[in-house]
């Protein structure tokens, strides 16, 4: 069974985006155990889009972390359809919640 955790956030009205200043990002452990890659951890400010169907990170952050490319996927946005790289990361959100093997 997957352990569950949550963080409560309160807003005046409907929150469609959440800015979080204390997020640690690193290559997912499952990837580090399989492929030699960086174990560097980077603190970032994360923007959570509550209506998004997938997650992304910048190319700059992916390169800084030395993430291992796992595959490619098609993504659609207002600019059309593009091919994007897929990685797995682990997140530590405000020291209160860990998310493992997250596709970005």
Foldseek 3Di string as FASTA:
>chain_A
DDDDDDDDDDDDDDDQKDKAQFKKKAAFPVCVVPDPFARDIDGGIDMDGPPDPADDDDPVVCVVRRFDFDDWDWDQDPVGIDIDTWGFMWMQGPVGDIDGRGID
